[in-house]
Amino acid sequence: MSKQTKTVSTFSWSKVLRVLSYWSVVLIGIALLLSKIIPTSIGASIQLIGNVLAYIVVLASSFGYAMYKRNLWYFLIWAVALVLIVVFVILAL
């Protein structure tokens, strides 16, 4: 008899970040292509989604760095930058 091996999928934040960064690049590329071929609001909507995914990837990576430094100032600067990004993205809508 042969032994059956089970493949266990493990969750990791680095895998999530890689997938999000991949899809953000794909969506931004599609949006840029659509905006040149058919100038409609669909391209702008897809580009906004891609940009938001890219912001999520960058913010998650930078949060890890801020926590790695174990210094309150790094975290505070990160939090202020996060608030600024969210405010300006919302104001751009």
N, C-alpha and C. Protein backbone atom coordinates (compact mmCIF):
# COMPACT_ATOMS: atom_id res chain seq x y z
N MET A 1 0.83 -1.19 0.00
CA MET A 1 0.00 0.00 0.00
C MET A 1 0.87 1.25 0.00
N SER A 2 0.44 2.21 -0.71
CA SER A 2 1.17 3.47 -0.71
C SER A 2 0.49 4.46 0.22
N LYS A 3 1.31 5.26 0.82
CA LYS A 3 0.77 6.27 1.73
C LYS A 3 0.25 7.45 0.92
N GLN A 4 -0.85 7.96 1.35
CA GLN A 4 -1.39 9.15 0.72
C GLN A 4 -0.92 10.37 1.52
N THR A 5 -0.43 11.34 0.80
CA THR A 5 0.00 12.55 1.49
C THR A 5 -1.04 13.64 1.27
N LYS A 6 -1.24 14.38 2.31
CA LYS A 6 -2.19 15.48 2.24
C LYS A 6 -1.44 16.78 2.03
N THR A 7 -1.95 17.59 1.15
CA THR A 7 -1.39 18.91 0.96
C THR A 7 -2.17 19.87 1.83
N VAL A 8 -1.48 20.48 2.76
CA VAL A 8 -2.13 21.42 3.67
C VAL A 8 -1.79 22.83 3.21
N SER A 9 -2.82 23.59 2.95
CA SER A 9 -2.61 24.98 2.56
C SER A 9 -2.48 25.81 3.82
N THR A 10 -1.41 26.55 3.89
CA THR A 10 -1.20 27.39 5.06
C THR A 10 -1.42 28.85 4.67
N PHE A 11 -1.95 29.58 5.60
CA PHE A 11 -2.21 31.00 5.40
C PHE A 11 -0.97 31.79 5.76
N SER A 12 -0.63 32.74 4.91
CA SER A 12 0.45 33.65 5.27
C SER A 12 0.15 35.02 4.68
N TRP A 13 0.50 36.03 5.44
CA TRP A 13 0.26 37.39 5.00
C TRP A 13 1.11 37.74 3.78
N SER A 14 2.29 37.17 3.69
CA SER A 14 3.11 37.47 2.52
C SER A 14 2.47 36.95 1.24
N LYS A 15 1.78 35.81 1.32
CA LYS A 15 1.08 35.28 0.16
C LYS A 15 -0.08 36.20 -0.22
N VAL A 16 -0.79 36.70 0.76
CA VAL A 16 -1.90 37.62 0.51
C VAL A 16 -1.38 38.90 -0.15
N LEU A 17 -0.26 39.43 0.35
CA LEU A 17 0.31 40.64 -0.22
C LEU A 17 0.77 40.42 -1.66
N ARG A 18 1.33 39.26 -1.94
CA ARG A 18 1.76 38.97 -3.31
C ARG A 18 0.57 38.91 -4.26
N VAL A 19 -0.52 38.29 -3.82
CA VAL A 19 -1.71 38.18 -4.66
C VAL A 19 -2.32 39.57 -4.88
N LEU A 20 -2.42 40.36 -3.81
CA LEU A 20 -2.98 41.71 -3.96
C LEU A 20 -2.12 42.58 -4.86
N SER A 21 -0.81 42.47 -4.73
CA SER A 21 0.04 43.29 -5.59
C SER A 21 -0.07 42.84 -7.05
N TYR A 22 -0.20 41.56 -7.28
CA TYR A 22 -0.38 41.07 -8.64
C TYR A 22 -1.65 41.63 -9.26
N TRP A 23 -2.76 41.51 -8.53
CA TRP A 23 -4.03 41.97 -9.08
C TRP A 23 -4.10 43.48 -9.21
N SER A 24 -3.43 44.20 -8.34
CA SER A 24 -3.42 45.66 -8.49
C SER A 24 -2.69 46.06 -9.77
N VAL A 25 -1.58 45.40 -10.08
CA VAL A 25 -0.85 45.70 -11.31
C VAL A 25 -1.70 45.32 -12.53
N VAL A 26 -2.36 44.17 -12.48
CA VAL A 26 -3.20 43.74 -13.60
C VAL A 26 -4.35 44.72 -13.81
N LEU A 27 -5.02 45.12 -12.74
CA LEU A 27 -6.15 46.04 -12.87
C LEU A 27 -5.72 47.41 -13.37
N ILE A 28 -4.59 47.91 -12.90
CA ILE A 28 -4.11 49.20 -13.38
C ILE A 28 -3.75 49.10 -14.87
N GLY A 29 -3.13 48.01 -15.27
CA GLY A 29 -2.81 47.81 -16.69
C GLY A 29 -4.05 47.76 -17.56
N ILE A 30 -5.06 47.02 -17.12
CA ILE A 30 -6.31 46.93 -17.87
C ILE A 30 -6.98 48.30 -17.95
N ALA A 31 -6.96 49.03 -16.84
CA ALA A 31 -7.59 50.35 -16.82
C ALA A 31 -6.89 51.31 -17.77
N LEU A 32 -5.56 51.27 -17.79
CA LEU A 32 -4.83 52.14 -18.71
C LEU A 32 -5.11 51.77 -20.17
N LEU A 33 -5.20 50.48 -20.44
CA LEU A 33 -5.52 50.04 -21.79
C LEU A 33 -6.93 50.47 -22.19
N LEU A 34 -7.90 50.28 -21.31
CA LEU A 34 -9.27 50.67 -21.61
C LEU A 34 -9.41 52.18 -21.78
N SER A 35 -8.66 52.94 -20.99
CA SER A 35 -8.79 54.40 -21.10
C SER A 35 -8.25 54.90 -22.45
N LYS A 36 -7.31 54.18 -23.04
CA LYS A 36 -6.80 54.57 -24.36
C LYS A 36 -7.71 54.09 -25.48
N ILE A 37 -8.30 52.90 -25.33
CA ILE A 37 -9.15 52.34 -26.38
C ILE A 37 -10.54 52.96 -26.33
N ILE A 38 -11.17 52.89 -25.17
CA ILE A 38 -12.54 53.40 -25.00
C ILE A 38 -12.53 54.37 -23.82
N PRO A 39 -12.50 55.65 -24.08
CA PRO A 39 -12.47 56.60 -22.96
C PRO A 39 -13.83 56.69 -22.26
N THR A 40 -14.04 55.82 -21.28
CA THR A 40 -15.27 55.83 -20.48
C THR A 40 -14.90 55.83 -19.01
N SER A 41 -15.91 55.81 -18.19
CA SER A 41 -15.66 55.80 -16.74
C SER A 41 -15.31 54.39 -16.24
N ILE A 42 -15.48 53.38 -17.08
CA ILE A 42 -15.14 52.01 -16.66
C ILE A 42 -13.64 51.90 -16.39
N GLY A 43 -12.84 52.48 -17.28
CA GLY A 43 -11.39 52.44 -17.09
C GLY A 43 -10.99 53.16 -15.81
N ALA A 44 -11.62 54.28 -15.52
CA ALA A 44 -11.31 55.02 -14.30
C ALA A 44 -11.70 54.23 -13.06
N SER A 45 -12.82 53.54 -13.13
CA SER A 45 -13.26 52.72 -11.99
C SER A 45 -12.30 51.57 -11.73
N ILE A 46 -11.88 50.89 -12.79
CA ILE A 46 -10.94 49.79 -12.63
C ILE A 46 -9.60 50.30 -12.12
N GLN A 47 -9.18 51.46 -12.60
CA GLN A 47 -7.92 52.03 -12.14
C GLN A 47 -8.00 52.40 -10.66
N LEU A 48 -9.14 52.91 -10.22
CA LEU A 48 -9.31 53.24 -8.80
C LEU A 48 -9.21 51.98 -7.95
N ILE A 49 -9.82 50.90 -8.39
CA ILE A 49 -9.75 49.63 -7.65
C ILE A 49 -8.31 49.14 -7.59
N GLY A 50 -7.61 49.21 -8.71
CA GLY A 50 -6.20 48.80 -8.73
C GLY A 50 -5.35 49.66 -7.82
N ASN A 51 -5.60 50.96 -7.82
CA ASN A 51 -4.84 51.86 -6.94
C ASN A 51 -5.10 51.56 -5.47
N VAL A 52 -6.36 51.30 -5.13
CA VAL A 52 -6.69 50.98 -3.74
C VAL A 52 -5.99 49.69 -3.31
N LEU A 53 -5.98 48.68 -4.18
CA LEU A 53 -5.26 47.44 -3.85
C LEU A 53 -3.77 47.70 -3.68
N ALA A 54 -3.21 48.56 -4.53
CA ALA A 54 -1.79 48.89 -4.40
C ALA A 54 -1.52 49.62 -3.08
N TYR A 55 -2.42 50.52 -2.70
CA TYR A 55 -2.27 51.20 -1.41
C TYR A 55 -2.31 50.21 -0.26
N ILE A 56 -3.21 49.22 -0.35
CA ILE A 56 -3.33 48.22 0.72
C ILE A 56 -2.02 47.44 0.85
N VAL A 57 -1.44 47.05 -0.27
CA VAL A 57 -0.18 46.30 -0.24
C VAL A 57 0.93 47.14 0.41
N VAL A 58 1.04 48.38 -0.02
CA VAL A 58 2.09 49.25 0.52
C VAL A 58 1.86 49.52 2.00
N LEU A 59 0.62 49.78 2.39
CA LEU A 59 0.34 50.06 3.79
C LEU A 59 0.60 48.85 4.67
N ALA A 60 0.24 47.67 4.20
CA ALA A 60 0.48 46.46 5.00
C ALA A 60 1.98 46.19 5.15
N SER A 61 2.72 46.39 4.08
CA SER A 61 4.16 46.18 4.15
C SER A 61 4.82 47.19 5.08
N SER A 62 4.40 48.43 4.97
CA SER A 62 5.00 49.47 5.81
C SER A 62 4.59 49.30 7.27
N PHE A 63 3.40 48.76 7.52
CA PHE A 63 3.00 48.49 8.91
C PHE A 63 3.93 47.46 9.53
N GLY A 64 4.27 46.44 8.76
CA GLY A 64 5.21 45.44 9.27
C GLY A 64 6.55 46.05 9.63
N TYR A 65 7.01 46.99 8.81
CA TYR A 65 8.28 47.67 9.10
C TYR A 65 8.16 48.54 10.35
N ALA A 66 7.04 49.25 10.48
CA ALA A 66 6.85 50.10 11.66
C ALA A 66 6.81 49.27 12.94
N MET A 67 6.19 48.11 12.88
CA MET A 67 6.14 47.25 14.06
C MET A 67 7.51 46.60 14.32
N TYR A 68 8.25 46.33 13.27
CA TYR A 68 9.58 45.74 13.40
C TYR A 68 10.53 46.70 14.13
N LYS A 69 10.41 47.99 13.86
CA LYS A 69 11.29 48.98 14.48
C LYS A 69 11.01 49.15 15.97
N ARG A 70 9.82 48.81 16.43
CA ARG A 70 9.44 48.88 17.84
C ARG A 70 9.69 50.26 18.45
N ASN A 71 9.34 51.25 17.69
CA ASN A 71 9.50 52.63 18.14
C ASN A 71 8.17 53.33 17.91
N LEU A 72 7.68 54.04 18.91
CA LEU A 72 6.39 54.70 18.83
C LEU A 72 6.35 55.72 17.70
N TRP A 73 7.46 56.40 17.45
CA TRP A 73 7.48 57.43 16.41
C TRP A 73 7.30 56.85 15.02
N TYR A 74 7.87 55.71 14.78
CA TYR A 74 7.67 55.06 13.47
C TYR A 74 6.20 54.74 13.27
N PHE A 75 5.55 54.23 14.32
CA PHE A 75 4.13 53.89 14.21
C PHE A 75 3.28 55.14 14.04
N LEU A 76 3.59 56.21 14.78
CA LEU A 76 2.81 57.44 14.67
C LEU A 76 2.94 58.07 13.28
N ILE A 77 4.14 58.08 12.75
CA ILE A 77 4.34 58.62 11.40
C ILE A 77 3.58 57.77 10.39
N TRP A 78 3.60 56.45 10.55
CA TRP A 78 2.86 55.56 9.67
C TRP A 78 1.35 55.84 9.76
N ALA A 79 0.84 56.03 10.98
CA ALA A 79 -0.59 56.27 11.18
C ALA A 79 -1.01 57.60 10.54
N VAL A 80 -0.19 58.63 10.68
CA VAL A 80 -0.51 59.92 10.06
C VAL A 80 -0.52 59.79 8.54
N ALA A 81 0.45 59.09 7.99
CA ALA A 81 0.49 58.88 6.54
C ALA A 81 -0.72 58.09 6.07
N LEU A 82 -1.13 57.10 6.84
CA LEU A 82 -2.32 56.31 6.51
C LEU A 82 -3.56 57.20 6.46
N VAL A 83 -3.73 58.04 7.45
CA VAL A 83 -4.89 58.94 7.48
C VAL A 83 -4.86 59.89 6.28
N LEU A 84 -3.68 60.42 5.97
CA LEU A 84 -3.57 61.32 4.82
C LEU A 84 -3.95 60.62 3.51
N ILE A 85 -3.48 59.39 3.34
CA ILE A 85 -3.79 58.64 2.12
C ILE A 85 -5.29 58.40 2.02
N VAL A 86 -5.91 57.97 3.11
CA VAL A 86 -7.35 57.69 3.09
C VAL A 86 -8.13 58.97 2.79
N VAL A 87 -7.78 60.06 3.44
CA VAL A 87 -8.50 61.32 3.23
C VAL A 87 -8.38 61.78 1.78
N PHE A 88 -7.17 61.74 1.23
CA PHE A 88 -6.99 62.24 -0.13
C PHE A 88 -7.58 61.30 -1.19
N VAL A 89 -7.62 60.02 -0.92
CA VAL A 89 -8.29 59.10 -1.85
C VAL A 89 -9.79 59.36 -1.83
N ILE A 90 -10.36 59.56 -0.65
CA ILE A 90 -11.79 59.84 -0.56
C ILE A 90 -12.12 61.19 -1.19
N LEU A 91 -11.26 62.20 -0.98
CA LEU A 91 -11.51 63.52 -1.57
C LEU A 91 -11.39 63.48 -3.09
N ALA A 92 -10.57 62.57 -3.62
CA ALA A 92 -10.40 62.46 -5.07
C ALA A 92 -11.64 61.87 -5.74
N LEU A 93 -12.47 61.17 -4.97
CA LEU A 93 -13.68 60.59 -5.54
C LEU A 93 -14.64 61.72 -5.79
